[in-house]
């Protein structure tokens, strides 16, 4: 299913804030454009991890974060059979989450955005 609109979702884990955005993207350039936009909006975010899935293939990026969150986000898009982009920006809250905790928090943020998208589709 192609993502046809922008859905945003915020998740908090141990004072770190995770801002997820699920959006239409025809290619990697659309994803990079959204990353630039969110870097401007979330100036305190240290990491902007993303995944893309579409006709041009699949890609993900961890942006220096531990736990391969880009790969986690790509798995979410695959699992839900969605085509488009999924970006999660993290604002560090002062508590180290560890590799597993980081992966889990990025997954929960991405799942929240996907759940909002699916809720809108059912209406």
PDB file of N, CA and C in Angstrom:
ATOM      1  N   UNK A   1       0.842  -1.173   0.000  1.00  0.00           N
ATOM      2  CA  UNK A   1       0.000   0.000   0.000  1.00  0.00           C
ATOM      3  C   UNK A   1       0.891   1.241   0.000  1.00  0.00           C
ATOM      4  N   UNK A   2       0.570   2.164  -0.871  1.00  0.00           N
ATOM      5  CA  UNK A   2       1.344   3.405  -0.918  1.00  0.00           C
ATOM      6  C   UNK A   2       0.876   4.362   0.175  1.00  0.00           C
ATOM      7  N   UNK A   3       1.824   4.996   0.793  1.00  0.00           N
ATOM      8  CA  UNK A   3       1.518   6.015   1.802  1.00  0.00           C
ATOM      9  C   UNK A   3       1.105   7.261   1.028  1.00  0.00           C
ATOM     10  N   UNK A   4      -0.080   7.796   1.333  1.00  0.00           N
ATOM     11  CA  UNK A   4      -0.612   8.899   0.542  1.00  0.00           C
ATOM     12  C   UNK A   4      -0.703  10.228   1.288  1.00  0.00           C
ATOM     13  N   UNK A   5      -0.278  10.251   2.544  1.00  0.00           N
ATOM     14  CA  UNK A   5      -0.311  11.491   3.320  1.00  0.00           C
ATOM     15  C   UNK A   5       0.740  11.433   4.426  1.00  0.00           C
ATOM     16  N   UNK A   6       0.988  12.579   5.026  1.00  0.00           N
ATOM     17  CA  UNK A   6       1.993  12.672   6.089  1.00  0.00           C
ATOM     18  C   UNK A   6       1.305  12.405   7.430  1.00  0.00           C
ATOM     19  N   UNK A   7       1.886  11.496   8.194  1.00  0.00           N
ATOM     20  CA  UNK A   7       1.398  11.165   9.537  1.00  0.00           C
ATOM     21  C   UNK A   7       2.559  11.384  10.498  1.00  0.00           C
ATOM     22  N   UNK A   8       2.305  12.113  11.588  1.00  0.00           N
ATOM     23  CA  UNK A   8       3.348  12.344  12.584  1.00  0.00           C
ATOM     24  C   UNK A   8       2.924  11.736  13.917  1.00  0.00           C
ATOM     25  N   UNK A   9       3.914  11.279  14.672  1.00  0.00           N
ATOM     26  CA  UNK A   9       3.669  10.625  15.953  1.00  0.00           C
ATOM     27  C   UNK A   9       4.850  10.907  16.878  1.00  0.00           C
ATOM     28  N   UNK A  10       4.560  11.171  18.145  1.00  0.00           N
ATOM     29  CA  UNK A  10       5.623  11.427  19.133  1.00  0.00           C
ATOM     30  C   UNK A  10       5.595  10.322  20.192  1.00  0.00           C
ATOM     31  N   UNK A  11       6.784   9.816  20.511  1.00  0.00           N
ATOM     32  CA  UNK A  11       6.934   8.768  21.515  1.00  0.00           C
ATOM     33  C   UNK A  11       8.009   9.212  22.504  1.00  0.00           C
ATOM     34  N   UNK A  12       7.766   9.015  23.794  1.00  0.00           N
ATOM     35  CA  UNK A  12       8.743   9.370  24.833  1.00  0.00           C
ATOM     36  C   UNK A  12       9.180   8.089  25.541  1.00  0.00           C
ATOM     37  N   UNK A  13      10.495   7.943  25.679  1.00  0.00           N
ATOM     38  CA  UNK A  13      11.064   6.788  26.369  1.00  0.00           C
ATOM     39  C   UNK A  13      12.238   7.270  27.215  1.00  0.00           C
ATOM     40  N   UNK A  14      12.125   7.121  28.526  1.00  0.00           N
ATOM     41  CA  UNK A  14      13.203   7.547  29.441  1.00  0.00           C
ATOM     42  C   UNK A  14      13.663   8.981  29.162  1.00  0.00           C
ATOM     43  N   UNK A  15      12.722   9.880  29.000  1.00  0.00           N
ATOM     44  CA  UNK A  15      12.937  11.313  28.755  1.00  0.00           C
ATOM     45  C   UNK A  15      13.447  11.636  27.357  1.00  0.00           C
ATOM     46  N   UNK A  16      13.859  10.641  26.568  1.00  0.00           N
ATOM     47  CA  UNK A  16      14.213  10.900  25.173  1.00  0.00           C
ATOM     48  C   UNK A  16      12.917  10.994  24.385  1.00  0.00           C
ATOM     49  N   UNK A  17      12.890  11.930  23.435  1.00  0.00           N
ATOM     50  CA  UNK A  17      11.699  12.106  22.602  1.00  0.00           C
ATOM     51  C   UNK A  17      12.004  11.624  21.186  1.00  0.00           C
ATOM     52  N   UNK A  18      11.081  10.862  20.652  1.00  0.00           N
ATOM     53  CA  UNK A  18      11.217  10.287  19.319  1.00  0.00           C
ATOM     54  C   UNK A  18      10.074  10.830  18.464  1.00  0.00           C
ATOM     55  N   UNK A  19      10.422  11.547  17.408  1.00  0.00           N
ATOM     56  CA  UNK A  19       9.438  12.144  16.516  1.00  0.00           C
ATOM     57  C   UNK A  19       9.415  11.353  15.214  1.00  0.00           C
ATOM     58  N   UNK A  20       8.314  10.634  14.993  1.00  0.00           N
ATOM     59  CA  UNK A  20       8.184   9.795  13.797  1.00  0.00           C
ATOM     60  C   UNK A  20       7.328  10.506  12.768  1.00  0.00           C
ATOM     61  N   UNK A  21       7.714  10.357  11.510  1.00  0.00           N
ATOM     62  CA  UNK A  21       6.903  10.866  10.409  1.00  0.00           C
ATOM     63  C   UNK A  21       6.884   9.813   9.307  1.00  0.00           C
ATOM     64  N   UNK A  22       5.669   9.439   8.918  1.00  0.00           N
ATOM     65  CA  UNK A  22       5.424   8.500   7.831  1.00  0.00           C
ATOM     66  C   UNK A  22       4.927   9.351   6.672  1.00  0.00           C
ATOM     67  N   UNK A  23       5.524   9.208   5.493  1.00  0.00           N
ATOM     68  CA  UNK A  23       5.218  10.155   4.420  1.00  0.00           C
ATOM     69  C   UNK A  23       5.360   9.516   3.039  1.00  0.00           C
ATOM     70  N   UNK A  24       4.659  10.098   2.040  1.00  0.00           N
ATOM     71  CA  UNK A  24       4.813   9.610   0.672  1.00  0.00           C
ATOM     72  C   UNK A  24       6.214   9.936   0.162  1.00  0.00           C
ATOM     73  N   UNK A  25       6.824   9.010  -0.535  1.00  0.00           N
ATOM     74  CA  UNK A  25       8.157   9.233  -1.113  1.00  0.00           C
ATOM     75  C   UNK A  25       8.299   8.367  -2.351  1.00  0.00           C
ATOM     76  N   UNK A  26       8.623   9.009  -3.467  1.00  0.00           N
ATOM     77  CA  UNK A  26       8.804   8.283  -4.723  1.00  0.00           C
ATOM     78  C   UNK A  26      10.229   7.747  -4.854  1.00  0.00           C
ATOM     79  N   UNK A  27      11.159   8.352  -4.123  1.00  0.00           N
ATOM     80  CA  UNK A  27      12.549   7.934  -4.206  1.00  0.00           C
ATOM     81  C   UNK A  27      13.349   8.466  -3.036  1.00  0.00           C
ATOM     82  N   UNK A  28      14.613   8.150  -3.025  1.00  0.00           N
ATOM     83  CA  UNK A  28      15.482   8.550  -1.918  1.00  0.00           C
ATOM     84  C   UNK A  28      15.591  10.060  -1.787  1.00  0.00           C
ATOM     85  N   UNK A  29      15.518  10.780  -2.890  1.00  0.00           N
ATOM     86  CA  UNK A  29      15.606  12.246  -2.835  1.00  0.00           C
ATOM     87  C   UNK A  29      14.453  12.835  -2.013  1.00  0.00           C
ATOM     88  N   UNK A  30      13.255  12.249  -2.132  1.00  0.00           N
ATOM     89  CA  UNK A  30      12.115  12.705  -1.324  1.00  0.00           C
ATOM     90  C   UNK A  30      12.386  12.480   0.162  1.00  0.00           C
ATOM     91  N   UNK A  31      13.022  11.374   0.482  1.00  0.00           N
ATOM     92  CA  UNK A  31      13.356  11.060   1.877  1.00  0.00           C
ATOM     93  C   UNK A  31      14.380  12.067   2.400  1.00  0.00           C
ATOM     94  N   UNK A  32      15.405  12.327   1.619  1.00  0.00           N
ATOM     95  CA  UNK A  32      16.447  13.272   2.049  1.00  0.00           C
ATOM     96  C   UNK A  32      15.885  14.682   2.210  1.00  0.00           C
ATOM     97  N   UNK A  33      14.900  15.026   1.390  1.00  0.00           N
ATOM     98  CA  UNK A  33      14.243  16.326   1.520  1.00  0.00           C
ATOM     99  C   UNK A  33      13.484  16.399   2.852  1.00  0.00           C
ATOM    100  N   UNK A  34      12.803  15.325   3.226  1.00  0.00           N
ATOM    101  CA  UNK A  34      12.092  15.288   4.510  1.00  0.00           C
ATOM    102  C   UNK A  34      13.089  15.331   5.670  1.00  0.00           C
ATOM    103  N   UNK A  35      14.230  14.657   5.535  1.00  0.00           N
ATOM    104  CA  UNK A  35      15.260  14.692   6.581  1.00  0.00           C
ATOM    105  C   UNK A  35      15.731  16.135   6.783  1.00  0.00           C
ATOM    106  N   UNK A  36      15.991  16.847   5.685  1.00  0.00           N
ATOM    107  CA  UNK A  36      16.419  18.256   5.798  1.00  0.00           C
ATOM    108  C   UNK A  36      15.348  19.095   6.490  1.00  0.00           C
ATOM    109  N   UNK A  37      14.087  18.878   6.143  1.00  0.00           N
ATOM    110  CA  UNK A  37      12.985  19.614   6.755  1.00  0.00           C
ATOM    111  C   UNK A  37      12.927  19.349   8.259  1.00  0.00           C
ATOM    112  N   UNK A  38      13.010  18.081   8.653  1.00  0.00           N
ATOM    113  CA  UNK A  38      12.914  17.726  10.066  1.00  0.00           C
ATOM    114  C   UNK A  38      14.148  18.150  10.851  1.00  0.00           C
ATOM    115  N   UNK A  39      15.309  18.178  10.206  1.00  0.00           N
ATOM    116  CA  UNK A  39      16.512  18.689  10.891  1.00  0.00           C
ATOM    117  C   UNK A  39      16.316  20.157  11.249  1.00  0.00           C
ATOM    118  N   UNK A  40      15.627  20.886  10.389  1.00  0.00           N
ATOM    119  CA  UNK A  40      15.321  22.286  10.679  1.00  0.00           C
ATOM    120  C   UNK A  40      14.298  22.436  11.790  1.00  0.00           C
ATOM    121  N   UNK A  41      13.309  21.556  11.828  1.00  0.00           N
ATOM    122  CA  UNK A  41      12.264  21.620  12.851  1.00  0.00           C
ATOM    123  C   UNK A  41      12.742  21.083  14.193  1.00  0.00           C
ATOM    124  N   UNK A  42      13.506  20.013  14.176  1.00  0.00           N
ATOM    125  CA  UNK A  42      13.982  19.354  15.401  1.00  0.00           C
ATOM    126  C   UNK A  42      15.477  19.639  15.579  1.00  0.00           C
ATOM    127  N   UNK A  43      15.796  20.867  15.857  1.00  0.00           N
ATOM    128  CA  UNK A  43      17.205  21.274  15.939  1.00  0.00           C
ATOM    129  C   UNK A  43      17.974  20.582  17.062  1.00  0.00           C
ATOM    130  N   UNK A  44      17.283  20.128  18.099  1.00  0.00           N
ATOM    131  CA  UNK A  44      17.965  19.457  19.218  1.00  0.00           C
ATOM    132  C   UNK A  44      18.168  17.962  18.962  1.00  0.00           C
ATOM    133  N   UNK A  45      17.570  17.444  17.904  1.00  0.00           N
ATOM    134  CA  UNK A  45      17.698  16.012  17.605  1.00  0.00           C
ATOM    135  C   UNK A  45      19.108  15.703  17.109  1.00  0.00           C
ATOM    136  N   UNK A  46      19.700  14.663  17.662  1.00  0.00           N
ATOM    137  CA  UNK A  46      21.048  14.254  17.266  1.00  0.00           C
ATOM    138  C   UNK A  46      21.031  13.239  16.136  1.00  0.00           C
ATOM    139  N   UNK A  47      19.950  12.472  16.051  1.00  0.00           N
ATOM    140  CA  UNK A  47      19.879  11.395  15.069  1.00  0.00           C
ATOM    141  C   UNK A  47      18.556  11.459  14.311  1.00  0.00           C
ATOM    142  N   UNK A  48      18.643  11.318  13.011  1.00  0.00           N
ATOM    143  CA  UNK A  48      17.472  11.288  12.129  1.00  0.00           C
ATOM    144  C   UNK A  48      17.582   9.999  11.311  1.00  0.00           C
ATOM    145  N   UNK A  49      16.992   8.934  11.829  1.00  0.00           N
ATOM    146  CA  UNK A  49      17.086   7.618  11.191  1.00  0.00           C
ATOM    147  C   UNK A  49      15.876   7.416  10.292  1.00  0.00           C
ATOM    148  N   UNK A  50      16.112   6.771   9.153  1.00  0.00           N
ATOM    149  CA  UNK A  50      15.013   6.643   8.196  1.00  0.00           C
ATOM    150  C   UNK A  50      15.078   5.340   7.415  1.00  0.00           C
ATOM    151  N   UNK A  51      13.934   5.053   6.781  1.00  0.00           N
ATOM    152  CA  UNK A  51      13.831   3.911   5.881  1.00  0.00           C
ATOM    153  C   UNK A  51      12.937   4.317   4.724  1.00  0.00           C
ATOM    154  N   UNK A  52      13.230   3.748   3.556  1.00  0.00           N
ATOM    155  CA  UNK A  52      12.434   3.990   2.348  1.00  0.00           C
ATOM    156  C   UNK A  52      12.165   2.661   1.674  1.00  0.00           C
ATOM    157  N   UNK A  53      10.960   2.528   1.169  1.00  0.00           N
ATOM    158  CA  UNK A  53      10.581   1.342   0.416  1.00  0.00           C
ATOM    159  C   UNK A  53       9.691   1.786  -0.727  1.00  0.00           C
ATOM    160  N   UNK A  54      10.029   1.367  -1.947  1.00  0.00           N
ATOM    161  CA  UNK A  54       9.223   1.753  -3.096  1.00  0.00           C
ATOM    162  C   UNK A  54       9.703   1.099  -4.369  1.00  0.00           C
ATOM    163  N   UNK A  55       9.239   1.640  -5.498  1.00  0.00           N
ATOM    164  CA  UNK A  55       9.584   1.087  -6.803  1.00  0.00           C
ATOM    165  C   UNK A  55      11.071   1.122  -7.102  1.00  0.00           C
ATOM    166  N   UNK A  56      11.791   2.054  -6.493  1.00  0.00           N
ATOM    167  CA  UNK A  56      13.239   2.183  -6.709  1.00  0.00           C
ATOM    168  C   UNK A  56      14.048   1.292  -5.769  1.00  0.00           C
ATOM    169  N   UNK A  57      13.375   0.438  -5.001  1.00  0.00           N
ATOM    170  CA  UNK A  57      14.084  -0.446  -4.080  1.00  0.00           C
ATOM    171  C   UNK A  57      13.865  -0.062  -2.632  1.00  0.00           C
ATOM    172  N   UNK A  58      14.801  -0.450  -1.797  1.00  0.00           N
ATOM    173  CA  UNK A  58      14.720  -0.202  -0.358  1.00  0.00           C
ATOM    174  C   UNK A  58      16.045   0.351   0.127  1.00  0.00           C
ATOM    175  N   UNK A  59      15.960   1.245   1.099  1.00  0.00           N
ATOM    176  CA  UNK A  59      17.167   1.809   1.720  1.00  0.00           C
ATOM    177  C   UNK A  59      16.841   2.182   3.144  1.00  0.00           C
ATOM    178  N   UNK A  60      17.870   2.237   3.966  1.00  0.00           N
ATOM    179  CA  UNK A  60      17.699   2.725   5.332  1.00  0.00           C
ATOM    180  C   UNK A  60      18.994   3.388   5.778  1.00  0.00           C
ATOM    181  N   UNK A  61      18.886   4.209   6.806  1.00  0.00           N
ATOM    182  CA  UNK A  61      20.068   4.887   7.341  1.00  0.00           C
ATOM    183  C   UNK A  61      19.925   5.031   8.853  1.00  0.00           C
ATOM    184  N   UNK A  62      21.017   4.723   9.565  1.00  0.00           N
ATOM    185  CA  UNK A  62      21.028   4.784  11.029  1.00  0.00           C
ATOM    186  C   UNK A  62      21.481   6.136  11.570  1.00  0.00           C
ATOM    187  N   UNK A  63      22.122   6.938  10.756  1.00  0.00           N
ATOM    188  CA  UNK A  63      22.600   8.276  11.141  1.00  0.00           C
ATOM    189  C   UNK A  63      23.446   8.249  12.419  1.00  0.00           C
ATOM    190  N   UNK A  64      24.282   7.229  12.568  1.00  0.00           N
ATOM    191  CA  UNK A  64      25.201   7.162  13.705  1.00  0.00           C
ATOM    192  C   UNK A  64      24.597   6.630  14.992  1.00  0.00           C
ATOM    193  N   UNK A  65      23.328   6.285  14.977  1.00  0.00           N
ATOM    194  CA  UNK A  65      22.670   5.758  16.179  1.00  0.00           C
ATOM    195  C   UNK A  65      23.004   4.276  16.337  1.00  0.00           C
ATOM    196  N   UNK A  66      23.051   3.809  17.586  1.00  0.00           N
ATOM    197  CA  UNK A  66      23.330   2.393  17.865  1.00  0.00           C
ATOM    198  C   UNK A  66      22.073   1.560  17.639  1.00  0.00           C
ATOM    199  N   UNK A  67      22.236   0.263  17.472  1.00  0.00           N
ATOM    200  CA  UNK A  67      21.096  -0.637  17.390  1.00  0.00           C
ATOM    201  C   UNK A  67      20.444  -0.757  16.030  1.00  0.00           C
ATOM    202  N   UNK A  68      21.016  -0.188  15.006  1.00  0.00           N
ATOM    203  CA  UNK A  68      20.494  -0.258  13.630  1.00  0.00           C
ATOM    204  C   UNK A  68      19.025   0.125  13.514  1.00  0.00           C
ATOM    205  N   UNK A  69      18.645   1.316  13.999  1.00  0.00           N
ATOM    206  CA  UNK A  69      17.229   1.697  13.936  1.00  0.00           C
ATOM    207  C   UNK A  69      16.704   1.872  12.508  1.00  0.00           C
ATOM    208  N   UNK A  70      17.558   2.241  11.560  1.00  0.00           N
ATOM    209  CA  UNK A  70      17.115   2.348  10.170  1.00  0.00           C
ATOM    210  C   UNK A  70      16.618   1.013   9.659  1.00  0.00           C
ATOM    211  N   UNK A  71      17.346  -0.029   9.985  1.00  0.00           N
ATOM    212  CA  UNK A  71      16.954  -1.382   9.584  1.00  0.00           C
ATOM    213  C   UNK A  71      15.640  -1.781  10.266  1.00  0.00           C
ATOM    214  N   UNK A  72      15.479  -1.380  11.528  1.00  0.00           N
ATOM    215  CA  UNK A  72      14.243  -1.662  12.266  1.00  0.00           C
ATOM    216  C   UNK A  72      13.063  -0.978  11.573  1.00  0.00           C
ATOM    217  N   UNK A  73      13.249   0.270  11.161  1.00  0.00           N
ATOM    218  CA  UNK A  73      12.181   1.004  10.484  1.00  0.00           C
ATOM    219  C   UNK A  73      11.851   0.374   9.133  1.00  0.00           C
ATOM    220  N   UNK A  74      12.873  -0.084   8.422  1.00  0.00           N
ATOM    221  CA  UNK A  74      12.645  -0.745   7.133  1.00  0.00           C
ATOM    222  C   UNK A  74      11.841  -2.036   7.334  1.00  0.00           C
ATOM    223  N   UNK A  75      12.143  -2.765   8.386  1.00  0.00           N
ATOM    224  CA  UNK A  75      11.388  -3.983   8.683  1.00  0.00           C
ATOM    225  C   UNK A  75       9.915  -3.678   8.946  1.00  0.00           C
ATOM    226  N   UNK A  76       9.635  -2.542   9.593  1.00  0.00           N
ATOM    227  CA  UNK A  76       8.240  -2.143   9.819  1.00  0.00           C
ATOM    228  C   UNK A  76       7.526  -1.898   8.492  1.00  0.00           C
ATOM    229  N   UNK A  77       8.186  -1.190   7.577  1.00  0.00           N
ATOM    230  CA  UNK A  77       7.575  -0.929   6.265  1.00  0.00           C
ATOM    231  C   UNK A  77       7.330  -2.236   5.517  1.00  0.00           C
ATOM    232  N   UNK A  78       8.285  -3.158   5.594  1.00  0.00           N
ATOM    233  CA  UNK A  78       8.126  -4.463   4.931  1.00  0.00           C
ATOM    234  C   UNK A  78       6.958  -5.241   5.545  1.00  0.00           C
ATOM    235  N   UNK A  79       6.939  -5.291   6.868  1.00  0.00           N
ATOM    236  CA  UNK A  79       5.916  -6.064   7.574  1.00  0.00           C
ATOM    237  C   UNK A  79       4.506  -5.582   7.230  1.00  0.00           C
ATOM    238  N   UNK A  80       4.346  -4.269   7.121  1.00  0.00           N
ATOM    239  CA  UNK A  80       3.036  -3.688   6.828  1.00  0.00           C
ATOM    240  C   UNK A  80       2.799  -3.525   5.326  1.00  0.00           C
ATOM    241  N   UNK A  81       3.779  -3.912   4.501  1.00  0.00           N
ATOM    242  CA  UNK A  81       3.715  -3.794   3.046  1.00  0.00           C
ATOM    243  C   UNK A  81       3.394  -2.371   2.615  1.00  0.00           C
ATOM    244  N   UNK A  82       4.118  -1.404   3.184  1.00  0.00           N
ATOM    245  CA  UNK A  82       3.925   0.008   2.880  1.00  0.00           C
ATOM    246  C   UNK A  82       5.035   0.511   1.971  1.00  0.00           C
ATOM    247  N   UNK A  83       4.672   1.384   1.046  1.00  0.00           N
ATOM    248  CA  UNK A  83       5.638   2.024   0.159  1.00  0.00           C
ATOM    249  C   UNK A  83       5.673   3.510   0.467  1.00  0.00           C
ATOM    250  N   UNK A  84       6.851   4.004   0.799  1.00  0.00           N
ATOM    251  CA  UNK A  84       7.033   5.408   1.149  1.00  0.00           C
ATOM    252  C   UNK A  84       8.194   5.532   2.116  1.00  0.00           C
ATOM    253  N   UNK A  85       8.193   6.605   2.889  1.00  0.00           N
ATOM    254  CA  UNK A  85       9.285   6.856   3.818  1.00  0.00           C
ATOM    255  C   UNK A  85       8.825   6.849   5.259  1.00  0.00           C
ATOM    256  N   UNK A  86       9.734   6.480   6.140  1.00  0.00           N
ATOM    257  CA  UNK A  86       9.510   6.521   7.582  1.00  0.00           C
ATOM    258  C   UNK A  86      10.768   7.092   8.219  1.00  0.00           C
ATOM    259  N   UNK A  87      10.614   8.213   8.895  1.00  0.00           N
ATOM    260  CA  UNK A  87      11.730   8.920   9.516  1.00  0.00           C
ATOM    261  C   UNK A  87      11.438   9.065  10.999  1.00  0.00           C
ATOM    262  N   UNK A  88      12.434   8.783  11.834  1.00  0.00           N
ATOM    263  CA  UNK A  88      12.310   9.008  13.275  1.00  0.00           C
ATOM    264  C   UNK A  88      13.510   9.819  13.733  1.00  0.00           C
ATOM    265  N   UNK A  89      13.217  10.966  14.361  1.00  0.00           N
ATOM    266  CA  UNK A  89      14.259  11.849  14.898  1.00  0.00           C
ATOM    267  C   UNK A  89      14.267  11.704  16.419  1.00  0.00           C
ATOM    268  N   UNK A  90      15.473  11.577  16.999  1.00  0.00           N
ATOM    269  CA  UNK A  90      15.601  11.392  18.446  1.00  0.00           C
ATOM    270  C   UNK A  90      16.227  12.613  19.096  1.00  0.00           C
ATOM    271  N   UNK A  91      15.551  13.114  20.127  1.00  0.00           N
ATOM    272  CA  UNK A  91      16.107  14.166  20.979  1.00  0.00           C
ATOM    273  C   UNK A  91      16.498  13.477  22.285  1.00  0.00           C
ATOM    274  N   UNK A  92      17.789  13.419  22.566  1.00  0.00           N
ATOM    275  CA  UNK A  92      18.318  12.703  23.726  1.00  0.00           C
ATOM    276  C   UNK A  92      17.818  13.337  25.015  1.00  0.00           C
ATOM    277  N   UNK A  93      17.365  12.493  25.950  1.00  0.00           N
ATOM    278  CA  UNK A  93      16.804  12.983  27.201  1.00  0.00           C
ATOM    279  C   UNK A  93      17.700  12.824  28.403  1.00  0.00           C
ATOM    280  N   UNK A  94      18.945  12.383  28.202  1.00  0.00           N
ATOM    281  CA  UNK A  94      19.881  12.287  29.311  1.00  0.00           C
ATOM    282  C   UNK A  94      20.049  10.893  29.889  1.00  0.00           C
ATOM    283  N   UNK A  95      19.248   9.932  29.447  1.00  0.00           N
ATOM    284  CA  UNK A  95      19.345   8.557  29.939  1.00  0.00           C
ATOM    285  C   UNK A  95      19.753   7.664  28.770  1.00  0.00           C
ATOM    286  N   UNK A  96      20.863   6.940  28.948  1.00  0.00           N
ATOM    287  CA  UNK A  96      21.299   6.022  27.893  1.00  0.00           C
ATOM    288  C   UNK A  96      20.386   4.804  27.888  1.00  0.00           C
ATOM    289  N   UNK A  97      19.880   4.457  26.713  1.00  0.00           N
ATOM    290  CA  UNK A  97      18.914   3.367  26.587  1.00  0.00           C
ATOM    291  C   UNK A  97      19.564   2.029  26.278  1.00  0.00           C
ATOM    292  N   UNK A  98      20.797   2.035  25.807  1.00  0.00           N
ATOM    293  CA  UNK A  98      21.447   0.801  25.392  1.00  0.00           C
ATOM    294  C   UNK A  98      20.968   0.410  24.002  1.00  0.00           C
ATOM    295  N   UNK A  99      21.653  -0.555  23.416  1.00  0.00           N
ATOM    296  CA  UNK A  99      21.355  -0.960  22.036  1.00  0.00           C
ATOM    297  C   UNK A  99      19.915  -1.454  21.899  1.00  0.00           C
ATOM    298  N   UNK A 100      19.509  -2.366  22.791  1.00  0.00           N
ATOM    299  CA  UNK A 100      18.151  -2.912  22.719  1.00  0.00           C
ATOM    300  C   UNK A 100      17.086  -1.861  22.980  1.00  0.00           C
ATOM    301  N   UNK A 101      17.343  -0.997  23.941  1.00  0.00           N
ATOM    302  CA  UNK A 101      16.377   0.050  24.281  1.00  0.00           C
ATOM    303  C   UNK A 101      16.205   1.060  23.152  1.00  0.00           C
ATOM    304  N   UNK A 102      17.302   1.391  22.478  1.00  0.00           N
ATOM    305  CA  UNK A 102      17.232   2.326  21.349  1.00  0.00           C
ATOM    306  C   UNK A 102      16.419   1.703  20.223  1.00  0.00           C
ATOM    307  N   UNK A 103      16.711   0.460  19.878  1.00  0.00           N
ATOM    308  CA  UNK A 103      15.968  -0.222  18.812  1.00  0.00           C
ATOM    309  C   UNK A 103      14.489  -0.297  19.148  1.00  0.00           C
ATOM    310  N   UNK A 104      14.180  -0.640  20.384  1.00  0.00           N
ATOM    311  CA  UNK A 104      12.791  -0.758  20.820  1.00  0.00           C
ATOM    312  C   UNK A 104      12.071   0.592  20.740  1.00  0.00           C
ATOM    313  N   UNK A 105      12.729   1.652  21.180  1.00  0.00           N
ATOM    314  CA  UNK A 105      12.104   2.977  21.172  1.00  0.00           C
ATOM    315  C   UNK A 105      11.857   3.466  19.735  1.00  0.00           C
ATOM    316  N   UNK A 106      12.815   3.254  18.838  1.00  0.00           N
ATOM    317  CA  UNK A 106      12.607   3.633  17.439  1.00  0.00           C
ATOM    318  C   UNK A 106      11.465   2.809  16.841  1.00  0.00           C
ATOM    319  N   UNK A 107      11.415   1.511  17.167  1.00  0.00           N
ATOM    320  CA  UNK A 107      10.342   0.652  16.656  1.00  0.00           C
ATOM    321  C   UNK A 107       8.989   1.144  17.153  1.00  0.00           C
ATOM    322  N   UNK A 108       8.892   1.472  18.445  1.00  0.00           N
ATOM    323  CA  UNK A 108       7.622   1.930  19.010  1.00  0.00           C
ATOM    324  C   UNK A 108       7.173   3.247  18.380  1.00  0.00           C
ATOM    325  N   UNK A 109       8.112   4.137  18.102  1.00  0.00           N
ATOM    326  CA  UNK A 109       7.760   5.400  17.450  1.00  0.00           C
ATOM    327  C   UNK A 109       7.248   5.142  16.030  1.00  0.00           C
ATOM    328  N   UNK A 110       7.957   4.291  15.296  1.00  0.00           N
ATOM    329  CA  UNK A 110       7.531   3.957  13.937  1.00  0.00           C
ATOM    330  C   UNK A 110       6.188   3.247  13.925  1.00  0.00           C
ATOM    331  N   UNK A 111       5.988   2.317  14.857  1.00  0.00           N
ATOM    332  CA  UNK A 111       4.716   1.606  14.945  1.00  0.00           C
ATOM    333  C   UNK A 111       3.574   2.558  15.273  1.00  0.00           C
ATOM    334  N   UNK A 112       3.852   3.570  16.088  1.00  0.00           N
ATOM    335  CA  UNK A 112       2.817   4.555  16.418  1.00  0.00           C
ATOM    336  C   UNK A 112       2.359   5.326  15.189  1.00  0.00           C
ATOM    337  N   UNK A 113       3.307   5.745  14.355  1.00  0.00           N
ATOM    338  CA  UNK A 113       2.959   6.468  13.130  1.00  0.00           C
ATOM    339  C   UNK A 113       2.177   5.565  12.175  1.00  0.00           C
ATOM    340  N   UNK A 114       2.598   4.315  12.056  1.00  0.00           N
ATOM    341  CA  UNK A 114       1.909   3.367  11.173  1.00  0.00           C
ATOM    342  C   UNK A 114       0.498   3.084  11.691  1.00  0.00           C
ATOM    343  N   UNK A 115       0.345   2.967  13.005  1.00  0.00           N
ATOM    344  CA  UNK A 115      -0.984   2.730  13.584  1.00  0.00           C
ATOM    345  C   UNK A 115      -1.915   3.902  13.284  1.00  0.00           C
ATOM    346  N   UNK A 116      -1.393   5.130  13.378  1.00  0.00           N
ATOM    347  CA  UNK A 116      -2.206   6.312  13.046  1.00  0.00           C
ATOM    348  C   UNK A 116      -2.610   6.286  11.577  1.00  0.00           C
ATOM    349  N   UNK A 117      -1.693   5.903  10.713  1.00  0.00           N
ATOM    350  CA  UNK A 117      -1.986   5.809   9.277  1.00  0.00           C
ATOM    351  C   UNK A 117      -3.074   4.766   9.030  1.00  0.00           C
ATOM    352  N   UNK A 118      -2.943   3.611   9.640  1.00  0.00           N
ATOM    353  CA  UNK A 118      -3.907   2.534   9.429  1.00  0.00           C
ATOM    354  C   UNK A 118      -5.276   2.889  10.016  1.00  0.00           C
ATOM    355  N   UNK A 119      -5.284   3.651  11.117  1.00  0.00           N
ATOM    356  CA  UNK A 119      -6.536   4.078  11.716  1.00  0.00           C
ATOM    357  C   UNK A 119      -7.282   5.008  10.746  1.00  0.00           C
ATOM    358  N   UNK A 120      -6.547   5.912  10.098  1.00  0.00           N
ATOM    359  CA  UNK A 120      -7.145   6.824   9.119  1.00  0.00           C
ATOM    360  C   UNK A 120      -7.648   6.076   7.900  1.00  0.00           C
ATOM    361  N   UNK A 121      -6.959   5.007   7.501  1.00  0.00           N
ATOM    362  CA  UNK A 121      -7.355   4.233   6.314  1.00  0.00           C
ATOM    363  C   UNK A 121      -8.689   3.543   6.566  1.00  0.00           C
ATOM    364  N   UNK A 122      -8.906   3.063   7.803  1.00  0.00           N
ATOM    365  CA  UNK A 122     -10.134   2.343   8.134  1.00  0.00           C
ATOM    366  C   UNK A 122     -11.365   3.243   8.172  1.00  0.00           C
ATOM    367  N   UNK A 123     -11.184   4.546   8.358  1.00  0.00           N
ATOM    368  CA  UNK A 123     -12.333   5.454   8.462  1.00  0.00           C
ATOM    369  C   UNK A 123     -13.064   5.608   7.177  1.00  0.00           C
TER     370      UNK A 123
END
